[in-house]
């Protein structure tokens, strides 16, 4: 296979993994962001931004860490490295989105987690 073909295989793996993640997360993320942002328009912007990041981070990871230029034929280690670099990019994108969402919801999480009669205990 040519280096271009190997590169396109890596890009295909990256796009496929990103599509799966975006398909599973877009709807719940939209509901959460509508509540957090207050308007559908604002929430839709951030959902689209998150989806773009979920696609771009794995692609950048594939370009940076890809093995397409080192091999002449696809082998199991090639596919393993392609999937690993794509999943690393997905992880980075999800971590960034997750940190931002967690930052806008800390008060609600703390209030829901603590019981009403909770009091700190003193140690002797």
PDB file of N, CA and C in Angstrom:
ATOM      1  N   UNK A   1       0.845  -1.183   0.000  1.00  0.00           N
ATOM      2  CA  UNK A   1       0.000   0.000   0.000  1.00  0.00           C
ATOM      3  C   UNK A   1       0.889   1.244   0.000  1.00  0.00           C
ATOM      4  N   UNK A   2       0.366   2.285  -0.573  1.00  0.00           N
ATOM      5  CA  UNK A   2       1.111   3.538  -0.592  1.00  0.00           C
ATOM      6  C   UNK A   2       0.969   4.247   0.751  1.00  0.00           C
ATOM      7  N   UNK A   3       1.896   5.141   1.061  1.00  0.00           N
ATOM      8  CA  UNK A   3       1.766   5.899   2.309  1.00  0.00           C
ATOM      9  C   UNK A   3       0.449   6.672   2.396  1.00  0.00           C
ATOM     10  N   UNK A   4      -0.037   7.165   1.267  1.00  0.00           N
ATOM     11  CA  UNK A   4      -1.313   7.886   1.265  1.00  0.00           C
ATOM     12  C   UNK A   4      -2.454   6.958   1.670  1.00  0.00           C
ATOM     13  N   UNK A   5      -2.449   5.742   1.157  1.00  0.00           N
ATOM     14  CA  UNK A   5      -3.493   4.780   1.517  1.00  0.00           C
ATOM     15  C   UNK A   5      -3.449   4.446   3.002  1.00  0.00           C
ATOM     16  N   UNK A   6      -2.248   4.270   3.526  1.00  0.00           N
ATOM     17  CA  UNK A   6      -2.113   3.983   4.959  1.00  0.00           C
ATOM     18  C   UNK A   6      -2.589   5.170   5.795  1.00  0.00           C
ATOM     19  N   UNK A   7      -2.260   6.368   5.354  1.00  0.00           N
ATOM     20  CA  UNK A   7      -2.718   7.566   6.063  1.00  0.00           C
ATOM     21  C   UNK A   7      -4.239   7.649   6.043  1.00  0.00           C
ATOM     22  N   UNK A   8      -4.853   7.354   4.904  1.00  0.00           N
ATOM     23  CA  UNK A   8      -6.312   7.406   4.810  1.00  0.00           C
ATOM     24  C   UNK A   8      -6.972   6.331   5.678  1.00  0.00           C
ATOM     25  N   UNK A   9      -6.321   5.191   5.832  1.00  0.00           N
ATOM     26  CA  UNK A   9      -6.835   4.165   6.751  1.00  0.00           C
ATOM     27  C   UNK A   9      -6.831   4.709   8.175  1.00  0.00           C
ATOM     28  N   UNK A  10      -5.734   5.354   8.572  1.00  0.00           N
ATOM     29  CA  UNK A  10      -5.661   5.935   9.918  1.00  0.00           C
ATOM     30  C   UNK A  10      -6.709   7.023  10.108  1.00  0.00           C
ATOM     31  N   UNK A  11      -6.885   7.864   9.113  1.00  0.00           N
ATOM     32  CA  UNK A  11      -7.902   8.915   9.204  1.00  0.00           C
ATOM     33  C   UNK A  11      -9.294   8.297   9.295  1.00  0.00           C
ATOM     34  N   UNK A  12      -9.538   7.236   8.539  1.00  0.00           N
ATOM     35  CA  UNK A  12     -10.834   6.546   8.600  1.00  0.00           C
ATOM     36  C   UNK A  12     -11.119   5.985   9.984  1.00  0.00           C
ATOM     37  N   UNK A  13     -10.115   5.386  10.600  1.00  0.00           N
ATOM     38  CA  UNK A  13     -10.275   4.862  11.961  1.00  0.00           C
ATOM     39  C   UNK A  13     -10.577   6.004  12.928  1.00  0.00           C
ATOM     40  N   UNK A  14      -9.890   7.110  12.755  1.00  0.00           N
ATOM     41  CA  UNK A  14     -10.104   8.272  13.612  1.00  0.00           C
ATOM     42  C   UNK A  14     -11.520   8.831  13.454  1.00  0.00           C
ATOM     43  N   UNK A  15     -11.962   8.989  12.219  1.00  0.00           N
ATOM     44  CA  UNK A  15     -13.301   9.530  11.964  1.00  0.00           C
ATOM     45  C   UNK A  15     -14.375   8.570  12.474  1.00  0.00           C
ATOM     46  N   UNK A  16     -14.161   7.276  12.297  1.00  0.00           N
ATOM     47  CA  UNK A  16     -15.126   6.283  12.776  1.00  0.00           C
ATOM     48  C   UNK A  16     -15.266   6.340  14.298  1.00  0.00           C
ATOM     49  N   UNK A  17     -14.147   6.388  15.009  1.00  0.00           N
ATOM     50  CA  UNK A  17     -14.216   6.439  16.477  1.00  0.00           C
ATOM     51  C   UNK A  17     -14.851   7.748  16.945  1.00  0.00           C
ATOM     52  N   UNK A  18     -14.555   8.845  16.277  1.00  0.00           N
ATOM     53  CA  UNK A  18     -15.155  10.127  16.643  1.00  0.00           C
ATOM     54  C   UNK A  18     -16.657  10.135  16.385  1.00  0.00           C
ATOM     55  N   UNK A  19     -17.063   9.514  15.304  1.00  0.00           N
ATOM     56  CA  UNK A  19     -18.490   9.448  14.974  1.00  0.00           C
ATOM     57  C   UNK A  19     -19.255   8.677  16.038  1.00  0.00           C
ATOM     58  N   UNK A  20     -18.687   7.571  16.498  1.00  0.00           N
ATOM     59  CA  UNK A  20     -19.346   6.798  17.554  1.00  0.00           C
ATOM     60  C   UNK A  20     -19.510   7.619  18.828  1.00  0.00           C
ATOM     61  N   UNK A  21     -18.450   8.293  19.241  1.00  0.00           N
ATOM     62  CA  UNK A  21     -18.502   9.086  20.469  1.00  0.00           C
ATOM     63  C   UNK A  21     -19.486  10.240  20.319  1.00  0.00           C
ATOM     64  N   UNK A  22     -19.421  10.948  19.214  1.00  0.00           N
ATOM     65  CA  UNK A  22     -20.335  12.079  19.001  1.00  0.00           C
ATOM     66  C   UNK A  22     -21.786  11.616  18.940  1.00  0.00           C
ATOM     67  N   UNK A  23     -22.032  10.468  18.323  1.00  0.00           N
ATOM     68  CA  UNK A  23     -23.402   9.949  18.232  1.00  0.00           C
ATOM     69  C   UNK A  23     -23.974   9.636  19.608  1.00  0.00           C
ATOM     70  N   UNK A  24     -23.147   9.122  20.501  1.00  0.00           N
ATOM     71  CA  UNK A  24     -23.629   8.779  21.844  1.00  0.00           C
ATOM     72  C   UNK A  24     -23.743   9.993  22.761  1.00  0.00           C
ATOM     73  N   UNK A  25     -22.909  11.006  22.580  1.00  0.00           N
ATOM     74  CA  UNK A  25     -22.863  12.114  23.534  1.00  0.00           C
ATOM     75  C   UNK A  25     -23.627  13.369  23.129  1.00  0.00           C
ATOM     76  N   UNK A  26     -23.943  13.546  21.871  1.00  0.00           N
ATOM     77  CA  UNK A  26     -24.532  14.811  21.433  1.00  0.00           C
ATOM     78  C   UNK A  26     -25.869  15.088  22.106  1.00  0.00           C
ATOM     79  N   UNK A  27     -26.760  14.132  22.118  1.00  0.00           N
ATOM     80  CA  UNK A  27     -28.089  14.365  22.697  1.00  0.00           C
ATOM     81  C   UNK A  27     -28.035  14.645  24.202  1.00  0.00           C
ATOM     82  N   UNK A  28     -27.346  13.826  25.020  1.00  0.00           N
ATOM     83  CA  UNK A  28     -27.280  14.150  26.451  1.00  0.00           C
ATOM     84  C   UNK A  28     -26.551  15.465  26.721  1.00  0.00           C
ATOM     85  N   UNK A  29     -25.500  15.741  25.951  1.00  0.00           N
ATOM     86  CA  UNK A  29     -24.780  16.999  26.133  1.00  0.00           C
ATOM     87  C   UNK A  29     -25.673  18.183  25.799  1.00  0.00           C
ATOM     88  N   UNK A  30     -26.486  18.068  24.755  1.00  0.00           N
ATOM     89  CA  UNK A  30     -27.398  19.149  24.382  1.00  0.00           C
ATOM     90  C   UNK A  30     -28.394  19.424  25.511  1.00  0.00           C
ATOM     91  N   UNK A  31     -28.974  18.368  26.088  1.00  0.00           N
ATOM     92  CA  UNK A  31     -29.931  18.567  27.191  1.00  0.00           C
ATOM     93  C   UNK A  31     -29.262  19.249  28.376  1.00  0.00           C
ATOM     94  N   UNK A  32     -28.075  18.810  28.713  1.00  0.00           N
ATOM     95  CA  UNK A  32     -27.343  19.398  29.833  1.00  0.00           C
ATOM     96  C   UNK A  32     -27.013  20.865  29.566  1.00  0.00           C
ATOM     97  N   UNK A  33     -26.566  21.164  28.363  1.00  0.00           N
ATOM     98  CA  UNK A  33     -26.167  22.536  28.052  1.00  0.00           C
ATOM     99  C   UNK A  33     -27.355  23.472  27.887  1.00  0.00           C
ATOM    100  N   UNK A  34     -28.491  22.980  27.449  1.00  0.00           N
ATOM    101  CA  UNK A  34     -29.684  23.834  27.402  1.00  0.00           C
ATOM    102  C   UNK A  34     -30.023  24.297  28.811  1.00  0.00           C
ATOM    103  N   UNK A  35     -29.929  23.378  29.759  1.00  0.00           N
ATOM    104  CA  UNK A  35     -30.191  23.740  31.157  1.00  0.00           C
ATOM    105  C   UNK A  35     -29.139  24.717  31.672  1.00  0.00           C
ATOM    106  N   UNK A  36     -27.878  24.474  31.356  1.00  0.00           N
ATOM    107  CA  UNK A  36     -26.792  25.298  31.890  1.00  0.00           C
ATOM    108  C   UNK A  36     -26.698  26.655  31.203  1.00  0.00           C
ATOM    109  N   UNK A  37     -26.927  26.694  29.882  1.00  0.00           N
ATOM    110  CA  UNK A  37     -26.750  27.947  29.125  1.00  0.00           C
ATOM    111  C   UNK A  37     -27.984  28.832  29.145  1.00  0.00           C
ATOM    112  N   UNK A  38     -29.132  28.256  29.331  1.00  0.00           N
ATOM    113  CA  UNK A  38     -30.338  29.060  29.412  1.00  0.00           C
ATOM    114  C   UNK A  38     -31.097  29.213  28.107  1.00  0.00           C
ATOM    115  N   UNK A  39     -30.426  29.110  26.962  1.00  0.00           N
ATOM    116  CA  UNK A  39     -31.124  29.203  25.673  1.00  0.00           C
ATOM    117  C   UNK A  39     -30.664  28.072  24.768  1.00  0.00           C
ATOM    118  N   UNK A  40     -31.543  27.708  23.849  1.00  0.00           N
ATOM    119  CA  UNK A  40     -31.228  26.640  22.910  1.00  0.00           C
ATOM    120  C   UNK A  40     -30.104  27.067  21.970  1.00  0.00           C
ATOM    121  N   UNK A  41     -30.097  28.338  21.565  1.00  0.00           N
ATOM    122  CA  UNK A  41     -29.069  28.821  20.636  1.00  0.00           C
ATOM    123  C   UNK A  41     -27.675  28.720  21.254  1.00  0.00           C
ATOM    124  N   UNK A  42     -27.532  29.137  22.489  1.00  0.00           N
ATOM    125  CA  UNK A  42     -26.232  29.045  23.161  1.00  0.00           C
ATOM    126  C   UNK A  42     -25.804  27.588  23.321  1.00  0.00           C
ATOM    127  N   UNK A  43     -26.740  26.764  23.737  1.00  0.00           N
ATOM    128  CA  UNK A  43     -26.430  25.344  23.925  1.00  0.00           C
ATOM    129  C   UNK A  43     -26.026  24.697  22.603  1.00  0.00           C
ATOM    130  N   UNK A  44     -26.739  25.026  21.521  1.00  0.00           N
ATOM    131  CA  UNK A  44     -26.399  24.447  20.220  1.00  0.00           C
ATOM    132  C   UNK A  44     -24.998  24.848  19.781  1.00  0.00           C
ATOM    133  N   UNK A  45     -24.612  26.088  20.038  1.00  0.00           N
ATOM    134  CA  UNK A  45     -23.248  26.506  19.698  1.00  0.00           C
ATOM    135  C   UNK A  45     -22.226  25.634  20.413  1.00  0.00           C
ATOM    136  N   UNK A  46     -22.406  25.437  21.714  1.00  0.00           N
ATOM    137  CA  UNK A  46     -21.426  24.674  22.479  1.00  0.00           C
ATOM    138  C   UNK A  46     -21.463  23.186  22.144  1.00  0.00           C
ATOM    139  N   UNK A  47     -22.626  22.681  21.756  1.00  0.00           N
ATOM    140  CA  UNK A  47     -22.698  21.284  21.323  1.00  0.00           C
ATOM    141  C   UNK A  47     -21.930  21.099  20.017  1.00  0.00           C
ATOM    142  N   UNK A  48     -22.130  22.020  19.078  1.00  0.00           N
ATOM    143  CA  UNK A  48     -21.393  21.932  17.818  1.00  0.00           C
ATOM    144  C   UNK A  48     -19.897  22.094  18.067  1.00  0.00           C
ATOM    145  N   UNK A  49     -19.524  23.019  18.937  1.00  0.00           N
ATOM    146  CA  UNK A  49     -18.104  23.206  19.284  1.00  0.00           C
ATOM    147  C   UNK A  49     -17.530  21.911  19.861  1.00  0.00           C
ATOM    148  N   UNK A  50     -18.258  21.270  20.758  1.00  0.00           N
ATOM    149  CA  UNK A  50     -17.797  20.021  21.366  1.00  0.00           C
ATOM    150  C   UNK A  50     -17.671  18.913  20.322  1.00  0.00           C
ATOM    151  N   UNK A  51     -18.645  18.818  19.417  1.00  0.00           N
ATOM    152  CA  UNK A  51     -18.575  17.806  18.370  1.00  0.00           C
ATOM    153  C   UNK A  51     -17.374  18.023  17.454  1.00  0.00           C
ATOM    154  N   UNK A  52     -17.098  19.270  17.121  1.00  0.00           N
ATOM    155  CA  UNK A  52     -15.932  19.568  16.282  1.00  0.00           C
ATOM    156  C   UNK A  52     -14.656  19.162  17.009  1.00  0.00           C
ATOM    157  N   UNK A  53     -14.578  19.454  18.294  1.00  0.00           N
ATOM    158  CA  UNK A  53     -13.386  19.069  19.058  1.00  0.00           C
ATOM    159  C   UNK A  53     -13.250  17.551  19.144  1.00  0.00           C
ATOM    160  N   UNK A  54     -14.374  16.847  19.238  1.00  0.00           N
ATOM    161  CA  UNK A  54     -14.342  15.393  19.295  1.00  0.00           C
ATOM    162  C   UNK A  54     -13.829  14.816  17.974  1.00  0.00           C
ATOM    163  N   UNK A  55     -14.006  15.538  16.874  1.00  0.00           N
ATOM    164  CA  UNK A  55     -13.462  15.090  15.593  1.00  0.00           C
ATOM    165  C   UNK A  55     -12.030  15.575  15.375  1.00  0.00           C
ATOM    166  N   UNK A  56     -11.732  16.802  15.769  1.00  0.00           N
ATOM    167  CA  UNK A  56     -10.405  17.356  15.487  1.00  0.00           C
ATOM    168  C   UNK A  56      -9.293  16.752  16.350  1.00  0.00           C
ATOM    169  N   UNK A  57      -9.541  16.536  17.612  1.00  0.00           N
ATOM    170  CA  UNK A  57      -8.495  16.019  18.496  1.00  0.00           C
ATOM    171  C   UNK A  57      -7.974  14.657  18.025  1.00  0.00           C
ATOM    172  N   UNK A  58      -8.829  13.699  17.666  1.00  0.00           N
ATOM    173  CA  UNK A  58      -8.296  12.440  17.149  1.00  0.00           C
ATOM    174  C   UNK A  58      -7.569  12.592  15.815  1.00  0.00           C
ATOM    175  N   UNK A  59      -8.039  13.501  14.967  1.00  0.00           N
ATOM    176  CA  UNK A  59      -7.343  13.713  13.693  1.00  0.00           C
ATOM    177  C   UNK A  59      -5.946  14.278  13.920  1.00  0.00           C
ATOM    178  N   UNK A  60      -5.836  15.238  14.825  1.00  0.00           N
ATOM    179  CA  UNK A  60      -4.516  15.788  15.139  1.00  0.00           C
ATOM    180  C   UNK A  60      -3.628  14.700  15.739  1.00  0.00           C
ATOM    181  N   UNK A  61      -4.185  13.902  16.614  1.00  0.00           N
ATOM    182  CA  UNK A  61      -3.442  12.804  17.218  1.00  0.00           C
ATOM    183  C   UNK A  61      -2.978  11.812  16.152  1.00  0.00           C
ATOM    184  N   UNK A  62      -3.816  11.539  15.174  1.00  0.00           N
ATOM    185  CA  UNK A  62      -3.452  10.634  14.091  1.00  0.00           C
ATOM    186  C   UNK A  62      -2.317  11.204  13.253  1.00  0.00           C
ATOM    187  N   UNK A  63      -2.376  12.490  12.956  1.00  0.00           N
ATOM    188  CA  UNK A  63      -1.316  13.104  12.157  1.00  0.00           C
ATOM    189  C   UNK A  63      -0.001  13.123  12.929  1.00  0.00           C
ATOM    190  N   UNK A  64      -0.065  13.428  14.216  1.00  0.00           N
ATOM    191  CA  UNK A  64       1.157  13.536  15.017  1.00  0.00           C
ATOM    192  C   UNK A  64       1.755  12.163  15.339  1.00  0.00           C
ATOM    193  N   UNK A  65       0.921  11.216  15.748  1.00  0.00           N
ATOM    194  CA  UNK A  65       1.425   9.925  16.225  1.00  0.00           C
ATOM    195  C   UNK A  65       1.270   8.790  15.213  1.00  0.00           C
ATOM    196  N   UNK A  66       0.737   9.080  14.038  1.00  0.00           N
ATOM    197  CA  UNK A  66       0.462   8.031  13.054  1.00  0.00           C
ATOM    198  C   UNK A  66       1.712   7.326  12.566  1.00  0.00           C
ATOM    199  N   UNK A  67       1.529   6.084  12.151  1.00  0.00           N
ATOM    200  CA  UNK A  67       2.635   5.238  11.675  1.00  0.00           C
ATOM    201  C   UNK A  67       2.614   5.084  10.153  1.00  0.00           C
ATOM    202  N   UNK A  68       1.800   5.849   9.456  1.00  0.00           N
ATOM    203  CA  UNK A  68       1.617   5.682   8.022  1.00  0.00           C
ATOM    204  C   UNK A  68       2.899   5.890   7.226  1.00  0.00           C
ATOM    205  N   UNK A  69       3.803   6.715   7.706  1.00  0.00           N
ATOM    206  CA  UNK A  69       5.022   6.981   6.944  1.00  0.00           C
ATOM    207  C   UNK A  69       6.119   5.949   7.202  1.00  0.00           C
ATOM    208  N   UNK A  70       5.941   5.104   8.208  1.00  0.00           N
ATOM    209  CA  UNK A  70       6.978   4.147   8.590  1.00  0.00           C
ATOM    210  C   UNK A  70       6.793   2.761   7.978  1.00  0.00           C
ATOM    211  N   UNK A  71       5.623   2.474   7.438  1.00  0.00           N
ATOM    212  CA  UNK A  71       5.316   1.126   6.975  1.00  0.00           C
ATOM    213  C   UNK A  71       4.956   1.115   5.492  1.00  0.00           C
ATOM    214  N   UNK A  72       5.062  -0.056   4.897  1.00  0.00           N
ATOM    215  CA  UNK A  72       4.649  -0.188   3.508  1.00  0.00           C
ATOM    216  C   UNK A  72       3.396  -1.056   3.384  1.00  0.00           C
ATOM    217  N   UNK A  73       3.101  -1.854   4.412  1.00  0.00           N
ATOM    218  CA  UNK A  73       1.895  -2.679   4.415  1.00  0.00           C
ATOM    219  C   UNK A  73       1.232  -2.568   5.783  1.00  0.00           C
ATOM    220  N   UNK A  74      -0.102  -2.620   5.809  1.00  0.00           N
ATOM    221  CA  UNK A  74      -0.783  -2.567   7.104  1.00  0.00           C
ATOM    222  C   UNK A  74      -0.634  -3.897   7.845  1.00  0.00           C
ATOM    223  N   UNK A  75      -0.188  -3.813   9.059  1.00  0.00           N
ATOM    224  CA  UNK A  75      -0.034  -4.989   9.917  1.00  0.00           C
ATOM    225  C   UNK A  75      -0.863  -4.765  11.174  1.00  0.00           C
ATOM    226  N   UNK A  76      -0.935  -5.766  12.010  1.00  0.00           N
ATOM    227  CA  UNK A  76      -1.679  -5.619  13.270  1.00  0.00           C
ATOM    228  C   UNK A  76      -1.126  -4.483  14.127  1.00  0.00           C
ATOM    229  N   UNK A  77       0.182  -4.350  14.291  1.00  0.00           N
ATOM    230  CA  UNK A  77       0.687  -3.197  15.054  1.00  0.00           C
ATOM    231  C   UNK A  77       0.300  -1.850  14.440  1.00  0.00           C
ATOM    232  N   UNK A  78       0.194  -1.795  13.113  1.00  0.00           N
ATOM    233  CA  UNK A  78      -0.243  -0.560  12.454  1.00  0.00           C
ATOM    234  C   UNK A  78      -1.671  -0.216  12.876  1.00  0.00           C
ATOM    235  N   UNK A  79      -2.570  -1.205  12.784  1.00  0.00           N
ATOM    236  CA  UNK A  79      -3.965  -0.952  13.171  1.00  0.00           C
ATOM    237  C   UNK A  79      -4.079  -0.634  14.662  1.00  0.00           C
ATOM    238  N   UNK A  80      -3.274  -1.303  15.459  1.00  0.00           N
ATOM    239  CA  UNK A  80      -3.275  -1.042  16.899  1.00  0.00           C
ATOM    240  C   UNK A  80      -2.822   0.391  17.194  1.00  0.00           C
ATOM    241  N   UNK A  81      -1.771   0.829  16.521  1.00  0.00           N
ATOM    242  CA  UNK A  81      -1.282   2.198  16.713  1.00  0.00           C
ATOM    243  C   UNK A  81      -2.293   3.217  16.193  1.00  0.00           C
ATOM    244  N   UNK A  82      -2.948   2.909  15.077  1.00  0.00           N
ATOM    245  CA  UNK A  82      -3.952   3.824  14.519  1.00  0.00           C
ATOM    246  C   UNK A  82      -5.129   3.982  15.479  1.00  0.00           C
ATOM    247  N   UNK A  83      -5.611   2.867  16.004  1.00  0.00           N
ATOM    248  CA  UNK A  83      -6.711   2.925  16.962  1.00  0.00           C
ATOM    249  C   UNK A  83      -6.280   3.606  18.250  1.00  0.00           C
ATOM    250  N   UNK A  84      -5.066   3.326  18.697  1.00  0.00           N
ATOM    251  CA  UNK A  84      -4.559   3.953  19.923  1.00  0.00           C
ATOM    252  C   UNK A  84      -4.439   5.460  19.796  1.00  0.00           C
ATOM    253  N   UNK A  85      -3.921   5.930  18.670  1.00  0.00           N
ATOM    254  CA  UNK A  85      -3.793   7.383  18.509  1.00  0.00           C
ATOM    255  C   UNK A  85      -5.160   8.041  18.389  1.00  0.00           C
ATOM    256  N   UNK A  86      -6.107   7.380  17.720  1.00  0.00           N
ATOM    257  CA  UNK A  86      -7.464   7.938  17.614  1.00  0.00           C
ATOM    258  C   UNK A  86      -8.137   7.987  18.981  1.00  0.00           C
ATOM    259  N   UNK A  87      -8.006   6.908  19.757  1.00  0.00           N
ATOM    260  CA  UNK A  87      -8.630   6.882  21.081  1.00  0.00           C
ATOM    261  C   UNK A  87      -7.962   7.862  22.038  1.00  0.00           C
ATOM    262  N   UNK A  88      -6.672   8.067  21.891  1.00  0.00           N
ATOM    263  CA  UNK A  88      -5.999   9.083  22.695  1.00  0.00           C
ATOM    264  C   UNK A  88      -6.581  10.464  22.388  1.00  0.00           C
ATOM    265  N   UNK A  89      -6.793  10.762  21.124  1.00  0.00           N
ATOM    266  CA  UNK A  89      -7.400  12.038  20.749  1.00  0.00           C
ATOM    267  C   UNK A  89      -8.818  12.178  21.274  1.00  0.00           C
ATOM    268  N   UNK A  90      -9.590  11.099  21.204  1.00  0.00           N
ATOM    269  CA  UNK A  90     -10.955  11.126  21.748  1.00  0.00           C
ATOM    270  C   UNK A  90     -10.906  11.376  23.246  1.00  0.00           C
ATOM    271  N   UNK A  91      -9.985  10.714  23.934  1.00  0.00           N
ATOM    272  CA  UNK A  91      -9.851  10.905  25.377  1.00  0.00           C
ATOM    273  C   UNK A  91      -9.520  12.359  25.714  1.00  0.00           C
ATOM    274  N   UNK A  92      -8.595  12.947  24.995  1.00  0.00           N
ATOM    275  CA  UNK A  92      -8.224  14.345  25.248  1.00  0.00           C
ATOM    276  C   UNK A  92      -9.427  15.258  25.018  1.00  0.00           C
ATOM    277  N   UNK A  93     -10.160  15.038  23.943  1.00  0.00           N
ATOM    278  CA  UNK A  93     -11.332  15.860  23.657  1.00  0.00           C
ATOM    279  C   UNK A  93     -12.397  15.697  24.736  1.00  0.00           C
ATOM    280  N   UNK A  94     -12.656  14.459  25.139  1.00  0.00           N
ATOM    281  CA  UNK A  94     -13.667  14.221  26.182  1.00  0.00           C
ATOM    282  C   UNK A  94     -13.236  14.791  27.526  1.00  0.00           C
ATOM    283  N   UNK A  95     -11.955  14.720  27.819  1.00  0.00           N
ATOM    284  CA  UNK A  95     -11.466  15.307  29.069  1.00  0.00           C
ATOM    285  C   UNK A  95     -11.671  16.816  29.058  1.00  0.00           C
ATOM    286  N   UNK A  96     -11.385  17.466  27.954  1.00  0.00           N
ATOM    287  CA  UNK A  96     -11.575  18.914  27.861  1.00  0.00           C
ATOM    288  C   UNK A  96     -13.047  19.287  27.988  1.00  0.00           C
ATOM    289  N   UNK A  97     -13.914  18.562  27.290  1.00  0.00           N
ATOM    290  CA  UNK A  97     -15.355  18.839  27.375  1.00  0.00           C
ATOM    291  C   UNK A  97     -15.853  18.543  28.786  1.00  0.00           C
ATOM    292  N   UNK A  98     -15.442  17.431  29.353  1.00  0.00           N
ATOM    293  CA  UNK A  98     -15.877  17.057  30.702  1.00  0.00           C
ATOM    294  C   UNK A  98     -15.455  18.057  31.758  1.00  0.00           C
ATOM    295  N   UNK A  99     -14.233  18.561  31.656  1.00  0.00           N
ATOM    296  CA  UNK A  99     -13.777  19.578  32.621  1.00  0.00           C
ATOM    297  C   UNK A  99     -14.581  20.861  32.511  1.00  0.00           C
ATOM    298  N   UNK A 100     -14.908  21.260  31.310  1.00  0.00           N
ATOM    299  CA  UNK A 100     -15.701  22.477  31.132  1.00  0.00           C
ATOM    300  C   UNK A 100     -17.124  22.293  31.654  1.00  0.00           C
ATOM    301  N   UNK A 101     -17.712  21.146  31.394  1.00  0.00           N
ATOM    302  CA  UNK A 101     -19.067  20.892  31.898  1.00  0.00           C
ATOM    303  C   UNK A 101     -19.046  20.801  33.417  1.00  0.00           C
ATOM    304  N   UNK A 102     -18.065  20.144  33.984  1.00  0.00           N
ATOM    305  CA  UNK A 102     -17.963  20.033  35.445  1.00  0.00           C
ATOM    306  C   UNK A 102     -17.768  21.403  36.079  1.00  0.00           C
ATOM    307  N   UNK A 103     -17.102  22.298  35.378  1.00  0.00           N
ATOM    308  CA  UNK A 103     -16.869  23.636  35.922  1.00  0.00           C
ATOM    309  C   UNK A 103     -18.152  24.449  36.035  1.00  0.00           C
ATOM    310  N   UNK A 104     -19.114  24.204  35.147  1.00  0.00           N
ATOM    311  CA  UNK A 104     -20.350  24.983  35.217  1.00  0.00           C
ATOM    312  C   UNK A 104     -21.386  24.366  36.146  1.00  0.00           C
ATOM    313  N   UNK A 105     -21.156  23.151  36.623  1.00  0.00           N
ATOM    314  CA  UNK A 105     -22.146  22.473  37.467  1.00  0.00           C
ATOM    315  C   UNK A 105     -21.687  22.125  38.873  1.00  0.00           C
ATOM    316  N   UNK A 106     -20.627  22.704  39.438  1.00  0.00           N
ATOM    317  CA  UNK A 106     -20.165  22.207  40.741  1.00  0.00           C
ATOM    318  C   UNK A 106     -21.153  22.448  41.876  1.00  0.00           C
ATOM    319  N   UNK A 107     -21.857  23.570  41.886  1.00  0.00           N
ATOM    320  CA  UNK A 107     -22.788  23.863  42.965  1.00  0.00           C
ATOM    321  C   UNK A 107     -23.929  22.876  43.017  1.00  0.00           C
ATOM    322  N   UNK A 108     -24.444  22.504  41.875  1.00  0.00           N
ATOM    323  CA  UNK A 108     -25.559  21.566  41.829  1.00  0.00           C
ATOM    324  C   UNK A 108     -25.122  20.185  42.289  1.00  0.00           C
ATOM    325  N   UNK A 109     -23.959  19.752  41.891  1.00  0.00           N
ATOM    326  CA  UNK A 109     -23.481  18.423  42.272  1.00  0.00           C
ATOM    327  C   UNK A 109     -23.250  18.361  43.771  1.00  0.00           C
ATOM    328  N   UNK A 110     -22.646  19.386  44.353  1.00  0.00           N
ATOM    329  CA  UNK A 110     -22.401  19.403  45.787  1.00  0.00           C
ATOM    330  C   UNK A 110     -23.705  19.416  46.559  1.00  0.00           C
ATOM    331  N   UNK A 111     -24.686  20.189  46.105  1.00  0.00           N
ATOM    332  CA  UNK A 111     -25.960  20.262  46.808  1.00  0.00           C
ATOM    333  C   UNK A 111     -26.703  18.937  46.738  1.00  0.00           C
ATOM    334  N   UNK A 112     -26.651  18.243  45.589  1.00  0.00           N
ATOM    335  CA  UNK A 112     -27.356  16.976  45.459  1.00  0.00           C
ATOM    336  C   UNK A 112     -26.660  15.856  46.224  1.00  0.00           C
ATOM    337  N   UNK A 113     -25.349  15.935  46.369  1.00  0.00           N
ATOM    338  CA  UNK A 113     -24.601  14.863  47.022  1.00  0.00           C
ATOM    339  C   UNK A 113     -24.681  14.934  48.541  1.00  0.00           C
ATOM    340  N   UNK A 114     -24.825  16.118  49.099  1.00  0.00           N
ATOM    341  CA  UNK A 114     -24.819  16.273  50.556  1.00  0.00           C
ATOM    342  C   UNK A 114     -26.239  16.118  51.104  1.00  0.00           C
ATOM    343  N   UNK A 115     -26.417  15.289  52.136  1.00  0.00           N
ATOM    344  CA  UNK A 115     -27.732  15.192  52.769  1.00  0.00           C
ATOM    345  C   UNK A 115     -28.049  16.475  53.540  1.00  0.00           C
ATOM    346  N   UNK A 116     -29.344  16.705  53.776  1.00  0.00           N
ATOM    347  CA  UNK A 116     -29.784  17.934  54.445  1.00  0.00           C
ATOM    348  C   UNK A 116     -29.272  18.041  55.876  1.00  0.00           C
ATOM    349  N   UNK A 117     -29.131  16.943  56.569  1.00  0.00           N
ATOM    350  CA  UNK A 117     -28.725  16.988  57.972  1.00  0.00           C
ATOM    351  C   UNK A 117     -27.234  16.706  58.159  1.00  0.00           C
ATOM    352  N   UNK A 118     -26.439  16.883  57.132  1.00  0.00           N
ATOM    353  CA  UNK A 118     -25.014  16.596  57.213  1.00  0.00           C
ATOM    354  C   UNK A 118     -24.313  17.643  58.073  1.00  0.00           C
ATOM    355  N   UNK A 119     -23.487  17.165  58.984  1.00  0.00           N
ATOM    356  CA  UNK A 119     -22.666  18.051  59.828  1.00  0.00           C
ATOM    357  C   UNK A 119     -21.253  17.478  59.867  1.00  0.00           C
ATOM    358  N   UNK A 120     -20.249  18.328  59.821  1.00  0.00           N
ATOM    359  CA  UNK A 120     -18.884  17.806  59.924  1.00  0.00           C
ATOM    360  C   UNK A 120     -18.651  17.240  61.329  1.00  0.00           C
ATOM    361  N   UNK A 121     -17.886  16.191  61.396  1.00  0.00           N
ATOM    362  CA  UNK A 121     -17.573  15.589  62.681  1.00  0.00           C
ATOM    363  C   UNK A 121     -16.207  16.060  63.115  1.00  0.00           C
ATOM    364  N   UNK A 122     -16.061  16.216  64.409  1.00  0.00           N
ATOM    365  CA  UNK A 122     -14.758  16.624  64.928  1.00  0.00           C
ATOM    366  C   UNK A 122     -14.031  15.388  65.425  1.00  0.00           C
ATOM    367  N   UNK A 123     -12.764  15.354  65.165  1.00  0.00           N
ATOM    368  CA  UNK A 123     -11.970  14.210  65.623  1.00  0.00           C
ATOM    369  C   UNK A 123     -11.297  14.567  66.938  1.00  0.00           C
ATOM    370  N   UNK A 124     -11.217  13.606  67.891  1.00  0.00           N
ATOM    371  CA  UNK A 124     -10.617  13.905  69.216  1.00  0.00           C
ATOM    372  C   UNK A 124      -9.146  14.083  69.177  1.00  0.00           C
TER     373      UNK A 124
END
